[in-house]
Amino acid sequence: MDDPLTIKKELFSRCQQYVQQRIDTARLAMEAAQESANSESKSSAGDKYETGRAMAQLERDRHAQLLAEALKLEGELTRLNIDKKYDTVQPGSLVETNRGRFFISVSAGKLTLEHVDYFAVSPASPVAALLAGHQVSETVVFNKMAYQILSVA
């Protein structure tokens, strides 16, 4: 799998799977917390009932926030143009440096394709922000380490 476009499409697909899993997990957890709040039965100890409902509601709200973040990631992914060949590092580009390969997309971590590691990073991440706008053969320094750009696709 040496074709950069094929690699980007596969990495994009893996990022979509990662985001969808986050969405599904947050939705299920929200539903479970809501069911817990709804099923909390009124007991003679009214405070215990109210505390249980309040805790379940807080849990539901926390998962709603996680869902909102995952949906935001999904939106960021849909705005990427992975079919384009890039000359400079920007969202949607695949960057090979002397210190690793980066897919500028969403923060999905390390993805391995055919025994080669790629790091899916958000354009807002420190390393992607530093690489942004640079071209092949340029070097940037991140955490006192030089990153020479070997290719951009």
C-alpha atoms as a PDB file:
ATOM      1  CA  MET A   1       0.000   0.000   0.000  1.00  0.00           C
ATOM      2  CA  ASP A   2       2.405   2.661  -1.249  1.00  0.00           C
ATOM      3  CA  ASP A   3      -0.168   4.921  -2.901  1.00  0.00           C
ATOM      4  CA  PRO A   4      -0.692   7.950  -0.616  1.00  0.00           C
ATOM      5  CA  LEU A   5      -4.319   8.345  -1.701  1.00  0.00           C
ATOM      6  CA  THR A   6      -5.099   4.723  -0.804  1.00  0.00           C
ATOM      7  CA  ILE A   7      -3.369   5.179   2.558  1.00  0.00           C
ATOM      8  CA  LYS A   8      -5.304   8.383   3.263  1.00  0.00           C
ATOM      9  CA  LYS A   9      -8.601   6.695   2.399  1.00  0.00           C
ATOM     10  CA  GLU A  10      -7.880   3.803   4.745  1.00  0.00           C
ATOM     11  CA  LEU A  11      -6.747   6.129   7.547  1.00  0.00           C
ATOM     12  CA  PHE A  12      -9.854   8.258   6.991  1.00  0.00           C
ATOM     13  CA  SER A  13     -12.021   5.151   7.239  1.00  0.00           C
ATOM     14  CA  ARG A  14     -10.326   4.153  10.498  1.00  0.00           C
ATOM     15  CA  CYS A  15     -10.852   7.668  11.879  1.00  0.00           C
ATOM     16  CA  GLN A  16     -14.540   7.426  10.954  1.00  0.00           C
ATOM     17  CA  GLN A  17     -14.776   4.096  12.802  1.00  0.00           C
ATOM     18  CA  TYR A  18     -13.052   5.613  15.837  1.00  0.00           C
ATOM     19  CA  VAL A  19     -15.442   8.583  15.901  1.00  0.00           C
ATOM     20  CA  GLN A  20     -18.508   6.375  15.349  1.00  0.00           C
ATOM     21  CA  GLN A  21     -17.455   4.155  18.243  1.00  0.00           C
ATOM     22  CA  ARG A  22     -17.169   7.222  20.488  1.00  0.00           C
ATOM     23  CA  ILE A  23     -20.634   8.393  19.377  1.00  0.00           C
ATOM     24  CA  ASP A  24     -22.197   4.975  19.990  1.00  0.00           C
ATOM     25  CA  THR A  25     -20.544   4.577  23.394  1.00  0.00           C
ATOM     26  CA  ALA A  26     -21.650   8.032  24.553  1.00  0.00           C
ATOM     27  CA  ARG A  27     -25.228   7.472  23.353  1.00  0.00           C
ATOM     28  CA  LEU A  28     -25.499   4.102  25.107  1.00  0.00           C
ATOM     29  CA  ALA A  29     -24.059   5.485  28.333  1.00  0.00           C
ATOM     30  CA  MET A  30     -26.445   8.460  28.168  1.00  0.00           C
ATOM     31  CA  GLU A  31     -29.416   6.155  27.693  1.00  0.00           C
ATOM     32  CA  ALA A  32     -28.296   3.925  30.570  1.00  0.00           C
ATOM     33  CA  ALA A  33     -27.902   6.927  32.879  1.00  0.00           C
ATOM     34  CA  GLN A  34     -31.334   8.224  31.854  1.00  0.00           C
ATOM     35  CA  GLU A  35     -32.916   4.826  32.510  1.00  0.00           C
ATOM     36  CA  SER A  36     -31.216   4.747  35.890  1.00  0.00           C
ATOM     37  CA  ALA A  37     -32.638   8.171  36.740  1.00  0.00           C
ATOM     38  CA  ASN A  38     -36.102   7.157  35.550  1.00  0.00           C
ATOM     39  CA  SER A  39     -36.100   3.861  37.452  1.00  0.00           C
ATOM     40  CA  GLU A  40     -34.927   5.390  40.726  1.00  0.00           C
ATOM     41  CA  SER A  41     -37.878   4.489  42.972  1.00  0.00           C
ATOM     42  CA  LYS A  42     -39.346   6.722  45.599  1.00  0.00           C
ATOM     43  CA  SER A  43     -38.478   5.380  49.006  1.00  0.00           C
ATOM     44  CA  SER A  44     -39.259   6.451  52.521  1.00  0.00           C
ATOM     45  CA  ALA A  45     -35.828   8.040  52.482  1.00  0.00           C
ATOM     46  CA  GLY A  46     -36.695  10.882  50.085  1.00  0.00           C
ATOM     47  CA  ASP A  47     -33.192  12.363  50.196  1.00  0.00           C
ATOM     48  CA  LYS A  48     -31.689   9.099  49.001  1.00  0.00           C
ATOM     49  CA  TYR A  49     -34.112   9.088  46.057  1.00  0.00           C
ATOM     50  CA  GLU A  50     -33.281  12.685  45.121  1.00  0.00           C
ATOM     51  CA  THR A  51     -29.546  12.074  45.467  1.00  0.00           C
ATOM     52  CA  GLY A  52     -29.731   8.993  43.241  1.00  0.00           C
ATOM     53  CA  ARG A  53     -31.707  10.882  40.592  1.00  0.00           C
ATOM     54  CA  ALA A  54     -29.309  13.831  40.736  1.00  0.00           C
ATOM     55  CA  MET A  55     -26.276  11.579  40.365  1.00  0.00           C
ATOM     56  CA  ALA A  56     -27.841   9.783  37.402  1.00  0.00           C
ATOM     57  CA  GLN A  57     -28.652  13.145  35.812  1.00  0.00           C
ATOM     58  CA  LEU A  58     -25.047  14.326  36.277  1.00  0.00           C
ATOM     59  CA  GLU A  59     -23.826  11.103  34.679  1.00  0.00           C
ATOM     60  CA  ARG A  60     -26.223  11.597  31.770  1.00  0.00           C
ATOM     61  CA  ASP A  61     -25.020  15.193  31.318  1.00  0.00           C
ATOM     62  CA  ARG A  62     -21.378  14.067  31.315  1.00  0.00           C
ATOM     63  CA  HIS A  63     -22.099  11.545  28.575  1.00  0.00           C
ATOM     64  CA  ALA A  64     -24.087  14.159  26.643  1.00  0.00           C
ATOM     65  CA  GLN A  65     -20.944  16.339  26.659  1.00  0.00           C
ATOM     66  CA  LEU A  66     -18.862  13.402  25.391  1.00  0.00           C
ATOM     67  CA  LEU A  67     -21.449  12.834  22.653  1.00  0.00           C
ATOM     68  CA  ALA A  68     -21.302  16.490  21.645  1.00  0.00           C
ATOM     69  CA  GLU A  69     -17.503  16.286  21.389  1.00  0.00           C
ATOM     70  CA  ALA A  70     -17.705  13.117  19.273  1.00  0.00           C
ATOM     71  CA  LEU A  71     -20.273  14.716  16.959  1.00  0.00           C
ATOM     72  CA  LYS A  72     -17.952  17.708  16.580  1.00  0.00           C
ATOM     73  CA  LEU A  73     -15.149  15.321  15.538  1.00  0.00           C
ATOM     74  CA  GLU A  74     -17.512  13.740  13.016  1.00  0.00           C
ATOM     75  CA  GLY A  75     -18.172  17.193  11.555  1.00  0.00           C
ATOM     76  CA  GLU A  76     -14.448  17.914  11.318  1.00  0.00           C
ATOM     77  CA  LEU A  77     -13.918  14.652   9.447  1.00  0.00           C
ATOM     78  CA  THR A  78     -16.629  15.420   6.898  1.00  0.00           C
ATOM     79  CA  ARG A  79     -14.918  18.722   6.052  1.00  0.00           C
ATOM     80  CA  LEU A  80     -11.623  17.044   5.119  1.00  0.00           C
ATOM     81  CA  ASN A  81     -10.691  16.701   1.463  1.00  0.00           C
ATOM     82  CA  ILE A  82      -8.621  13.530   1.379  1.00  0.00           C
ATOM     83  CA  ASP A  83      -8.761  13.183  -2.407  1.00  0.00           C
ATOM     84  CA  LYS A  84      -6.623  16.277  -2.894  1.00  0.00           C
ATOM     85  CA  LYS A  85      -2.831  16.111  -3.270  1.00  0.00           C
ATOM     86  CA  TYR A  86      -1.317  18.656  -0.900  1.00  0.00           C
ATOM     87  CA  ASP A  87       1.981  20.515  -1.310  1.00  0.00           C
ATOM     88  CA  THR A  88       1.915  21.948   2.206  1.00  0.00           C
ATOM     89  CA  VAL A  89       0.884  20.428   5.506  1.00  0.00           C
ATOM     90  CA  GLN A  90      -2.797  21.130   6.236  1.00  0.00           C
ATOM     91  CA  PRO A  91      -5.966  19.315   7.318  1.00  0.00           C
ATOM     92  CA  GLY A  92      -6.445  16.231   5.139  1.00  0.00           C
ATOM     93  CA  SER A  93      -2.769  15.818   4.339  1.00  0.00           C
ATOM     94  CA  LEU A  94      -0.571  12.808   4.979  1.00  0.00           C
ATOM     95  CA  VAL A  95       2.861  13.859   6.219  1.00  0.00           C
ATOM     96  CA  GLU A  96       5.961  11.739   6.476  1.00  0.00           C
ATOM     97  CA  THR A  97       8.775  13.095   8.636  1.00  0.00           C
ATOM     98  CA  ASN A  98      12.043  11.649   9.839  1.00  0.00           C
ATOM     99  CA  ARG A  99      10.261  11.083  13.172  1.00  0.00           C
ATOM    100  CA  GLY A 100       7.009   9.536  12.052  1.00  0.00           C
ATOM    101  CA  ARG A 101       3.998   9.694   9.742  1.00  0.00           C
ATOM    102  CA  PHE A 102       1.041  11.927  10.502  1.00  0.00           C
ATOM    103  CA  PHE A 103      -2.476  12.075   9.108  1.00  0.00           C
ATOM    104  CA  ILE A 104      -3.796  15.562   9.835  1.00  0.00           C
ATOM    105  CA  SER A 105      -7.443  14.836  10.579  1.00  0.00           C
ATOM    106  CA  VAL A 106      -8.824  14.154  14.061  1.00  0.00           C
ATOM    107  CA  SER A 107      -7.080  13.011  17.180  1.00  0.00           C
ATOM    108  CA  ALA A 108      -7.523   9.243  16.848  1.00  0.00           C
ATOM    109  CA  GLY A 109      -4.039   8.200  17.970  1.00  0.00           C
ATOM    110  CA  LYS A 110      -1.801   5.574  16.434  1.00  0.00           C
ATOM    111  CA  LEU A 111      -3.184   3.652  13.458  1.00  0.00           C
ATOM    112  CA  THR A 112      -1.212   0.809  11.896  1.00  0.00           C
ATOM    113  CA  LEU A 113      -1.531  -0.151   8.233  1.00  0.00           C
ATOM    114  CA  GLU A 114       0.520  -3.066   6.932  1.00  0.00           C
ATOM    115  CA  HIS A 115       2.991  -2.826   9.828  1.00  0.00           C
ATOM    116  CA  VAL A 116       3.495   0.918   9.340  1.00  0.00           C
ATOM    117  CA  ASP A 117       2.430   3.304  12.117  1.00  0.00           C
ATOM    118  CA  TYR A 118       0.600   6.543  11.377  1.00  0.00           C
ATOM    119  CA  PHE A 119      -0.574   9.080  13.912  1.00  0.00           C
ATOM    120  CA  ALA A 120      -3.987  10.609  13.303  1.00  0.00           C
ATOM    121  CA  VAL A 121      -3.703  14.061  14.856  1.00  0.00           C
ATOM    122  CA  SER A 122      -5.973  17.063  15.026  1.00  0.00           C
ATOM    123  CA  PRO A 123      -4.892  20.191  13.120  1.00  0.00           C
ATOM    124  CA  ALA A 124      -5.023  21.923  16.529  1.00  0.00           C
ATOM    125  CA  SER A 125      -2.522  19.502  18.084  1.00  0.00           C
ATOM    126  CA  PRO A 126       0.870  21.049  18.840  1.00  0.00           C
ATOM    127  CA  VAL A 127       2.805  18.958  16.307  1.00  0.00           C
ATOM    128  CA  ALA A 128       0.261  19.511  13.504  1.00  0.00           C
ATOM    129  CA  ALA A 129       0.049  23.219  14.245  1.00  0.00           C
ATOM    130  CA  LEU A 130       3.830  23.450  14.020  1.00  0.00           C
ATOM    131  CA  LEU A 131       3.975  21.463  10.757  1.00  0.00           C
ATOM    132  CA  ALA A 132       1.089  23.447   9.199  1.00  0.00           C
ATOM    133  CA  GLY A 133       1.988  25.355   6.058  1.00  0.00           C
ATOM    134  CA  HIS A 134       5.395  23.707   5.673  1.00  0.00           C
ATOM    135  CA  GLN A 135       6.592  21.784   2.608  1.00  0.00           C
ATOM    136  CA  VAL A 136       8.824  18.863   1.735  1.00  0.00           C
ATOM    137  CA  SER A 137      12.455  19.276   2.895  1.00  0.00           C
ATOM    138  CA  GLU A 138      11.570  21.913   5.488  1.00  0.00           C
ATOM    139  CA  THR A 139      12.390  21.249   9.134  1.00  0.00           C
ATOM    140  CA  VAL A 140      10.498  22.289  12.250  1.00  0.00           C
ATOM    141  CA  VAL A 141      11.518  21.841  15.873  1.00  0.00           C
ATOM    142  CA  PHE A 142       9.039  20.360  18.334  1.00  0.00           C
ATOM    143  CA  ASN A 143      10.005  19.563  21.944  1.00  0.00           C
ATOM    144  CA  LYS A 144      13.672  20.175  21.071  1.00  0.00           C
ATOM    145  CA  MET A 145      13.453  17.556  18.300  1.00  0.00           C
ATOM    146  CA  ALA A 146      13.857  18.363  14.614  1.00  0.00           C
ATOM    147  CA  TYR A 147      11.148  17.065  12.293  1.00  0.00           C
ATOM    148  CA  GLN A 148      12.227  17.081   8.667  1.00  0.00           C
ATOM    149  CA  ILE A 149       9.320  16.776   6.238  1.00  0.00           C
ATOM    150  CA  LEU A 150      10.073  13.979   3.779  1.00  0.00           C
ATOM    151  CA  SER A 151       6.740  13.946   1.925  1.00  0.00           C
ATOM    152  CA  VAL A 152       3.307  15.577   1.913  1.00  0.00           C
ATOM    153  CA  ALA A 153       0.317  14.029   0.171  1.00  0.00           C
END
